[in-house]
Amino acid sequence: MKRDIELIRTILNKVADEAEPDQWYYVNIPDRDQKEVIYHLRLLYQAGLITVIDTSSKDGEQYAVTGLSWQGHEFVEVTKSETIWNKTTEQVKKIGGSFTFDLLKDLAVKIASDLLMK
């Protein structure tokens, strides 16, 4: 399975909007296969962007989300503007090829900074 940056952004925004202190919940994204969502939750957890409780069992992998980490909040804040997000993804498409998550975030920060300086 490949990493889907749009799904990652959707999950992070959903967690930012829905997470409650001292509570956990399962993330469901309409029109997305739950296995794909769970895979991306694992990636987000491994990257330190979300906090989770691993509720996997013999029936399969599963994560209950407890919230965003500091880095998760940082990414959500810099990419919540559709203008910044669209400009960021346009730049990535122009470059082509693969890119790291940190590069994507850094590019979004630069675009946000450039817009603020105008």
Protein backbone atom coordinates (compact mmCIF):
# COMPACT_ATOMS: atom_id res chain seq x y z
CA MET A 1 0.00 0.00 0.00
CA LYS A 2 1.28 3.48 -0.81
CA ARG A 3 1.24 6.50 1.45
CA ASP A 4 -1.59 8.87 0.49
CA ILE A 5 -0.81 12.42 1.61
CA GLU A 6 -4.40 13.57 1.02
CA LEU A 7 -5.68 10.84 3.33
CA ILE A 8 -3.03 11.75 5.89
CA ARG A 9 -4.19 15.38 5.85
CA THR A 10 -7.84 14.27 6.11
CA ILE A 11 -7.09 12.05 9.10
CA LEU A 12 -5.07 14.73 10.89
CA ASN A 13 -7.78 17.35 10.34
CA LYS A 14 -10.45 14.93 11.55
CA VAL A 15 -8.48 14.16 14.71
CA ALA A 16 -7.90 17.89 15.31
CA ASP A 17 -11.63 18.57 14.96
CA GLU A 18 -12.99 15.58 16.88
CA ALA A 19 -10.48 14.53 19.53
CA GLU A 20 -11.54 15.21 23.11
CA PRO A 21 -9.13 15.31 26.06
CA ASP A 22 -8.88 12.01 27.95
CA GLN A 23 -10.99 10.17 25.37
CA TRP A 24 -10.20 7.90 22.46
CA TYR A 25 -12.09 6.92 19.35
CA TYR A 26 -11.81 5.01 16.10
CA VAL A 27 -11.30 7.03 12.94
CA ASN A 28 -13.55 6.29 9.99
CA ILE A 29 -13.27 8.15 6.72
CA PRO A 30 -16.30 7.89 4.42
CA ASP A 31 -15.56 6.36 1.01
CA ARG A 32 -12.20 4.97 2.19
CA ASP A 33 -11.41 1.35 2.90
CA GLN A 34 -10.91 0.90 6.65
CA LYS A 35 -7.72 -1.13 6.06
CA GLU A 36 -6.27 1.86 4.21
CA VAL A 37 -7.25 4.18 7.06
CA ILE A 38 -5.69 1.84 9.64
CA TYR A 39 -2.48 1.64 7.59
CA HIS A 40 -2.25 5.43 7.53
CA LEU A 41 -3.02 5.66 11.25
CA ARG A 42 -0.04 3.38 11.84
CA LEU A 43 2.15 5.61 9.66
CA LEU A 44 0.98 8.71 11.52
CA TYR A 45 1.67 7.05 14.86
CA GLN A 46 5.12 5.88 13.76
CA ALA A 47 5.90 9.41 12.56
CA GLY A 48 4.89 10.84 15.92
CA LEU A 49 1.99 12.90 14.57
CA ILE A 50 -0.81 11.21 16.53
CA THR A 51 -1.15 9.40 19.83
CA VAL A 52 -2.97 6.09 19.84
CA ILE A 53 -3.89 3.05 21.85
CA ASP A 54 -3.08 -0.12 19.93
CA THR A 55 -6.29 -2.15 20.13
CA SER A 56 -5.17 -4.77 17.60
CA SER A 57 -6.27 -8.33 18.19
CA LYS A 58 -6.18 -11.66 16.42
CA ASP A 59 -8.96 -10.23 14.26
CA GLY A 60 -6.66 -7.56 12.86
CA GLU A 61 -4.80 -4.33 13.30
CA GLN A 62 -6.70 -1.42 14.91
CA TYR A 63 -5.82 1.86 16.59
CA ALA A 64 -7.90 4.04 18.87
CA VAL A 65 -6.79 7.64 18.46
CA THR A 66 -6.29 9.75 21.56
CA GLY A 67 -5.12 12.96 19.90
CA LEU A 68 -2.50 14.87 17.96
CA SER A 69 1.09 15.29 19.05
CA TRP A 70 2.81 18.67 18.95
CA GLN A 71 4.08 17.86 15.44
CA GLY A 72 0.60 16.79 14.38
CA HIS A 73 -0.82 20.10 15.54
CA GLU A 74 1.96 21.94 13.69
CA PHE A 75 1.13 20.17 10.42
CA VAL A 76 -2.60 20.80 10.80
CA GLU A 77 -2.05 24.48 11.53
CA VAL A 78 0.19 25.09 8.53
CA THR A 79 -1.96 23.09 6.08
CA LYS A 80 -5.50 23.92 7.18
CA SER A 81 -5.73 26.76 4.67
CA GLU A 82 -6.92 25.35 1.34
CA THR A 83 -4.87 28.06 -0.40
CA ILE A 84 -1.66 26.98 1.30
CA TRP A 85 -2.44 23.29 0.83
CA ASN A 86 -3.25 23.71 -2.87
CA LYS A 87 -0.10 25.76 -3.52
CA THR A 88 1.97 23.16 -1.64
CA THR A 89 0.59 20.20 -3.57
CA GLU A 90 0.94 22.12 -6.87
CA GLN A 91 4.64 22.66 -6.14
CA VAL A 92 5.13 18.99 -5.28
CA LYS A 93 3.44 17.96 -8.53
CA LYS A 94 5.70 20.32 -10.51
CA ILE A 95 8.78 18.75 -8.95
CA GLY A 96 7.45 15.25 -9.50
CA GLY A 97 8.85 12.08 -8.08
CA SER A 98 8.85 11.22 -4.41
CA PHE A 99 9.14 13.53 -1.42
CA THR A 100 9.37 13.23 2.32
CA PHE A 101 6.71 14.31 4.76
CA ASP A 102 9.14 16.78 6.34
CA LEU A 103 9.84 18.32 2.93
CA LEU A 104 6.10 18.70 2.34
CA LYS A 105 5.63 20.38 5.72
CA ASP A 106 8.64 22.65 5.17
CA LEU A 107 7.29 23.66 1.77
CA ALA A 108 3.89 24.46 3.31
CA VAL A 109 5.60 26.58 5.98
CA LYS A 110 7.56 28.47 3.29
CA ILE A 111 4.41 29.10 1.25
CA ALA A 112 2.57 30.31 4.38
CA SER A 113 5.49 32.61 5.23
CA ASP A 114 5.59 33.98 1.69
CA LEU A 115 1.85 34.72 1.82
CA LEU A 116 2.26 36.50 5.16
CA MET A 117 5.04 38.70 3.77
CA LYS A 118 2.88 39.95 0.87
